[in-house]
Protein backbone atom coordinates (compact mmCIF):
# COMPACT_ATOMS: atom_id res chain seq x y z
CA ASP A 1 104.53 29.79 -49.18
CA GLU A 2 105.37 31.25 -45.78
CA ALA A 3 104.81 34.61 -44.20
CA ARG A 4 107.74 35.31 -41.89
CA ILE A 5 107.43 37.47 -38.81
CA PRO A 6 110.74 39.36 -38.12
CA LEU A 7 111.54 39.83 -34.41
CA ALA A 8 113.82 42.51 -33.17
CA ALA A 9 113.97 41.41 -29.56
CA ARG A 10 117.13 40.04 -28.02
CA GLY A 11 117.60 36.36 -28.74
CA ALA A 12 114.55 36.31 -31.07
CA VAL A 13 114.25 34.06 -34.07
CA SER A 14 112.17 34.31 -37.30
CA VAL A 15 109.09 32.17 -36.73
CA PRO A 16 107.40 30.88 -39.92
CA LEU A 17 103.67 31.00 -39.99
CA PRO A 18 102.66 28.16 -42.29
CA VAL A 19 99.77 28.68 -44.70
CA ALA A 20 98.31 25.29 -43.95
CA PRO A 21 95.20 23.71 -42.43
CA VAL A 22 95.03 23.80 -38.63
CA ALA A 23 95.24 19.99 -38.48
CA ALA A 24 98.72 20.19 -40.05
CA ALA A 25 99.97 22.86 -37.65
CA PRO A 26 102.05 20.65 -35.34
CA ASP A 27 104.09 19.28 -38.22
CA ALA A 28 104.93 22.79 -39.37
CA TRP A 29 107.04 23.55 -36.23
CA SER A 30 110.38 22.33 -35.00
CA ARG A 31 112.55 22.90 -31.96
CA ARG A 32 114.83 25.10 -34.06
CA GLU A 33 111.92 27.52 -34.56
CA SER A 34 110.88 27.57 -30.92
CA PRO A 35 111.34 30.59 -28.59
CA ALA A 36 114.79 31.09 -27.14
CA VAL A 37 115.40 28.89 -24.12
CA ALA A 38 115.55 30.93 -20.98
CA PRO A 39 117.25 30.04 -17.72
CA ASP A 40 115.03 29.18 -14.73
CA ALA A 41 113.25 32.19 -13.46
CA ALA A 42 114.87 34.18 -10.74
CA PRO A 43 113.14 34.29 -7.34
CA ASN A 44 112.33 37.97 -7.90
CA ALA A 45 110.63 37.41 -11.24
CA SER A 46 108.23 40.26 -11.62
CA GLY A 47 105.83 39.28 -14.42
CA VAL A 48 104.23 36.63 -16.49
CA ALA A 49 102.32 36.68 -19.78
CA VAL A 50 99.00 34.84 -19.71
CA THR A 51 96.46 33.67 -22.27
CA ILE A 52 93.63 31.11 -22.29
CA LEU A 53 93.52 28.64 -25.16
CA GLY A 54 90.18 27.85 -26.76
CA PRO A 55 88.86 25.31 -29.26
CA ARG A 56 88.15 27.90 -31.94
CA GLY A 57 91.65 29.21 -32.35
CA ASN A 58 93.88 28.77 -35.39
CA ALA A 59 96.61 26.59 -33.96
CA ALA A 60 99.38 27.85 -36.31
CA LEU A 61 98.56 31.46 -35.68
CA VAL A 62 98.36 31.00 -31.90
CA ALA A 63 101.66 29.10 -31.85
CA ALA A 64 103.33 31.95 -33.82
CA GLN A 65 101.83 34.46 -31.40
CA LEU A 66 103.26 32.59 -28.41
CA ALA A 67 106.70 32.58 -29.98
CA VAL A 68 106.58 36.31 -30.62
CA VAL A 69 105.30 37.17 -27.13
CA SER A 70 107.86 34.95 -25.39
CA ALA A 71 110.74 36.44 -27.42
CA ASN A 72 109.76 39.97 -26.35
CA LEU A 73 109.36 39.40 -22.64
CA PRO A 74 111.92 40.86 -20.19
CA ALA A 75 114.55 38.40 -18.97
CA THR A 76 113.25 38.70 -15.40
CA TRP A 77 109.76 37.59 -16.40
CA LEU A 78 108.67 33.92 -15.97
CA GLY A 79 107.50 33.39 -19.53
CA VAL A 80 104.09 32.66 -21.08
CA ASP A 81 101.51 30.56 -19.31
CA CYS A 82 98.83 29.13 -21.59
CA TYR A 83 95.85 28.03 -19.54
CA TYR A 84 93.46 25.47 -20.99
CA ARG A 85 90.42 23.40 -20.03
CA PRO A 86 91.41 19.73 -19.76
CA ALA A 87 88.27 18.63 -21.60
CA GLU A 88 89.32 20.69 -24.63
CA SER A 89 92.91 19.36 -24.67
CA ARG A 90 92.15 15.96 -26.16
CA GLY A 91 92.06 17.21 -29.75
CA GLY A 92 91.50 20.05 -32.07
CA SER A 93 93.23 23.46 -31.83
CA VAL A 94 93.99 23.29 -28.13
CA ARG A 95 95.77 19.92 -28.46
CA ALA A 96 97.68 21.16 -31.53
CA VAL A 97 99.00 24.22 -29.67
CA LEU A 98 99.93 22.14 -26.60
CA ASP A 99 101.80 19.69 -28.86
CA VAL A 100 103.80 22.57 -30.25
CA VAL A 101 104.61 23.91 -26.80
CA GLU A 102 105.65 20.51 -25.56
CA ARG A 103 107.88 20.01 -28.54
CA TRP A 104 109.58 23.34 -27.90
CA GLY A 105 110.47 22.14 -24.41
CA SER A 106 112.00 25.53 -23.55
CA GLY A 107 110.22 26.25 -20.31
CA ARG A 108 109.59 29.73 -21.63
CA VAL A 109 106.11 28.80 -22.81
CA ALA A 110 104.08 26.36 -20.68
CA GLY A 111 100.63 24.81 -20.89
CA ARG A 112 98.79 24.93 -17.55
CA ALA A 113 95.52 23.07 -16.98
CA LEU A 114 92.76 24.95 -15.22
CA PRO A 115 91.62 23.32 -11.98
CA PRO A 116 88.19 21.65 -11.91
CA ALA A 117 86.62 24.62 -10.06
CA LEU A 118 87.52 26.90 -12.94
CA SER A 119 87.59 24.71 -16.02
CA GLY A 120 83.89 25.11 -16.69
CA LEU A 121 84.02 28.89 -16.88
CA THR A 122 84.03 30.97 -20.02
CA GLN A 123 87.00 33.21 -20.78
CA ARG A 124 85.04 36.25 -19.61
CA ALA A 125 84.08 34.55 -16.34
CA LEU A 126 87.62 33.50 -15.74
CA LEU A 127 88.95 37.01 -16.23
CA LEU A 128 86.36 38.26 -13.73
CA ASN A 129 87.22 35.55 -11.15
CA ALA A 130 89.44 36.45 -8.20
CA GLU A 131 90.61 32.85 -7.84
CA PHE A 132 91.95 32.80 -11.37
CA TRP A 133 94.00 35.95 -10.81
CA ARG A 134 95.10 34.84 -7.39
CA ALA A 135 96.61 31.67 -8.85
CA LEU A 136 98.82 33.46 -11.42
CA ARG A 137 102.49 33.21 -10.81
CA ALA A 138 103.65 36.83 -10.75
CA PRO A 139 102.39 40.24 -9.56
CA ARG A 140 102.49 41.82 -13.03
CA VAL A 141 100.47 40.13 -15.78
CA LEU A 142 100.49 40.72 -19.51
CA TRP A 143 97.13 39.34 -20.61
CA PHE A 144 96.76 38.78 -24.35
CA GLU A 145 93.91 37.40 -26.39
CA PRO A 146 95.01 34.22 -28.15
CA GLY A 147 95.58 34.61 -31.86
CA THR A 148 94.60 38.30 -32.11
CA THR A 149 97.42 40.41 -30.67
CA LEU A 150 101.21 40.62 -30.92
CA LEU A 151 104.04 42.41 -29.16
CA CYS A 152 106.28 44.62 -31.24
CA GLY A 153 110.03 43.83 -30.97
CA ARG A 154 110.81 47.45 -31.97
CA ALA A 155 108.59 49.12 -29.39
CA PRO A 156 110.40 52.00 -27.67
CA LEU A 157 109.41 50.69 -24.19
CA ALA A 158 109.91 47.22 -22.71
CA LEU A 159 107.35 45.71 -20.39
CA ASP A 160 109.67 46.21 -17.41
CA ASP A 161 110.20 49.89 -18.15
CA PRO A 162 109.85 51.95 -14.95
CA LEU A 163 107.16 54.02 -16.63
CA PHE A 164 104.75 51.07 -16.42
CA GLU A 165 105.36 50.48 -12.70
CA ALA A 166 103.23 53.45 -11.87
CA TRP A 167 100.04 51.86 -13.28
CA ASP A 168 97.78 48.95 -12.46
CA TRP A 169 96.31 48.80 -15.96
CA VAL A 170 97.86 49.81 -19.28
CA GLY A 171 96.10 49.20 -22.63
CA ALA A 172 95.62 50.74 -26.02
CA PRO A 173 93.15 53.64 -26.21
CA TRP A 174 89.53 53.27 -27.10
CA LYS A 175 89.03 55.80 -29.90
CA TRP A 176 85.42 56.40 -28.94
CA ALA A 177 86.22 57.35 -25.35
CA ALA A 178 85.75 61.12 -24.79
CA PRO A 179 88.47 62.97 -22.89
CA GLY A 180 87.75 62.91 -19.20
CA ALA A 181 85.38 59.96 -19.48
CA PRO A 182 85.92 56.83 -17.33
CA HIS A 183 87.26 54.92 -20.35
CA SER A 184 89.62 57.62 -21.54
CA VAL A 185 92.25 56.09 -19.27
CA GLY A 186 93.35 52.46 -18.77
CA GLY A 187 92.53 51.21 -22.23
CA ASN A 188 91.61 48.10 -24.17
CA GLY A 189 92.25 44.82 -22.36
CA ALA A 190 92.96 42.53 -25.32
CA LEU A 191 96.65 43.25 -24.89
CA SER A 192 97.08 44.80 -21.48
CA LEU A 193 99.51 45.03 -18.63
CA ARG A 194 97.69 44.49 -15.31
CA THR A 195 98.56 44.31 -11.62
CA ARG A 196 97.28 41.06 -10.18
CA GLY A 197 96.85 42.42 -6.63
CA ALA A 198 94.68 45.34 -7.77
CA LEU A 199 92.24 43.04 -9.59
CA VAL A 200 92.07 40.60 -6.72
CA ALA A 201 91.52 43.39 -4.23
CA LEU A 202 88.80 44.85 -6.33
CA LEU A 203 86.92 41.55 -6.59
CA ASP A 204 87.49 40.60 -3.00
CA GLY A 205 86.40 44.03 -1.88
CA GLY A 206 82.84 43.56 -3.06
CA ALA A 207 82.84 44.87 -6.64
CA THR A 208 80.32 42.77 -8.60
CA PRO A 209 80.76 42.54 -12.40
CA PRO A 210 77.57 42.62 -14.51
CA SER A 211 76.30 39.47 -16.11
CA LYS A 212 76.99 40.82 -19.58
CA GLY A 213 79.48 43.18 -21.20
CA ASN A 214 83.19 43.31 -21.83
CA GLU A 215 85.39 42.48 -18.81
CA ASP A 216 88.00 45.12 -19.71
CA MET A 217 85.45 47.92 -19.88
CA TRP A 218 84.03 47.01 -16.48
CA TYR A 219 87.50 46.66 -14.90
CA VAL A 220 88.64 50.07 -16.19
CA LYS A 221 85.51 51.80 -14.87
CA ALA A 222 85.51 49.90 -11.57
CA LEU A 223 89.26 50.36 -10.95
CA GLY A 224 88.87 54.07 -11.62
CA ALA A 225 86.33 54.31 -8.82
CA ALA A 226 88.05 51.79 -6.52
CA GLY A 227 88.89 54.38 -3.96
CA ALA A 228 85.20 54.36 -2.91
CA LEU A 229 85.37 50.68 -2.02
CA GLY A 230 87.70 51.22 0.95
CA PRO A 231 89.69 48.22 2.38
CA PRO A 232 91.23 45.97 1.21
CA LEU A 233 92.19 48.00 -1.80
CA GLY A 234 92.80 51.06 0.33
CA ARG A 235 93.77 53.36 -2.53
CA LYS A 236 92.59 54.53 -5.88
CA ALA A 237 93.60 52.20 -8.67
CA ARG A 238 96.37 53.51 -10.89
CA LEU A 239 95.07 53.70 -14.44
CA ALA A 240 97.52 54.75 -17.07
CA PRO A 241 96.69 57.39 -19.63
CA THR A 242 96.44 55.27 -22.73
CA LEU A 243 99.86 55.20 -24.47
CA GLY A 244 98.92 55.85 -28.08
CA GLY A 245 98.48 52.16 -28.86
CA ASN A 246 102.08 51.17 -28.25
């Protein structure tokens, strides 16, 4: 049996999510079911979607997620970059997902090995590392947790909508955040639109993340107070009022 995910985005396809063991995931995909092949990115490409593959993910679910995300990206965006630790790419879930991506061969979804200096870091540490953000390929980044979030093909706003250009961080609301509190703007980071330069400037400017806690909660609070840091950020971070979970 298959659960099929309908996509309403332009050029999208129906991607089957096989109900099968993870080990069988690569055999459940074909080039016909891959994301639509996009032309080479234009020089003015404005954004890129980014995730970090890990050994605990369900390969079939993550592959379906990658197809959905890539199908819903604006045409001017570079595509989806799936970062991975080379030591974890020799087998298991990471290898299975990379095999699917290689078989697609579309260029719209790409596996990218983390450099040695970063490959030993946890996901949290990577997301709090200026060098990781500095190395990303576009100024606007859609970060998404692997296997846990999806883009909606029927959403009223596309990622390149001018409304989003006003903000450095856009995420779904935290229901527990009281109006006027630091976390009442910005929103959850699991599926979030971020400005690469704002995060790099924050980290380079001396902001020090705590040793524990969620990276998105720290970023939202720190970005909200970024005006107090002075150069190189030089301005208050632009945190979106959370957009009702869209």
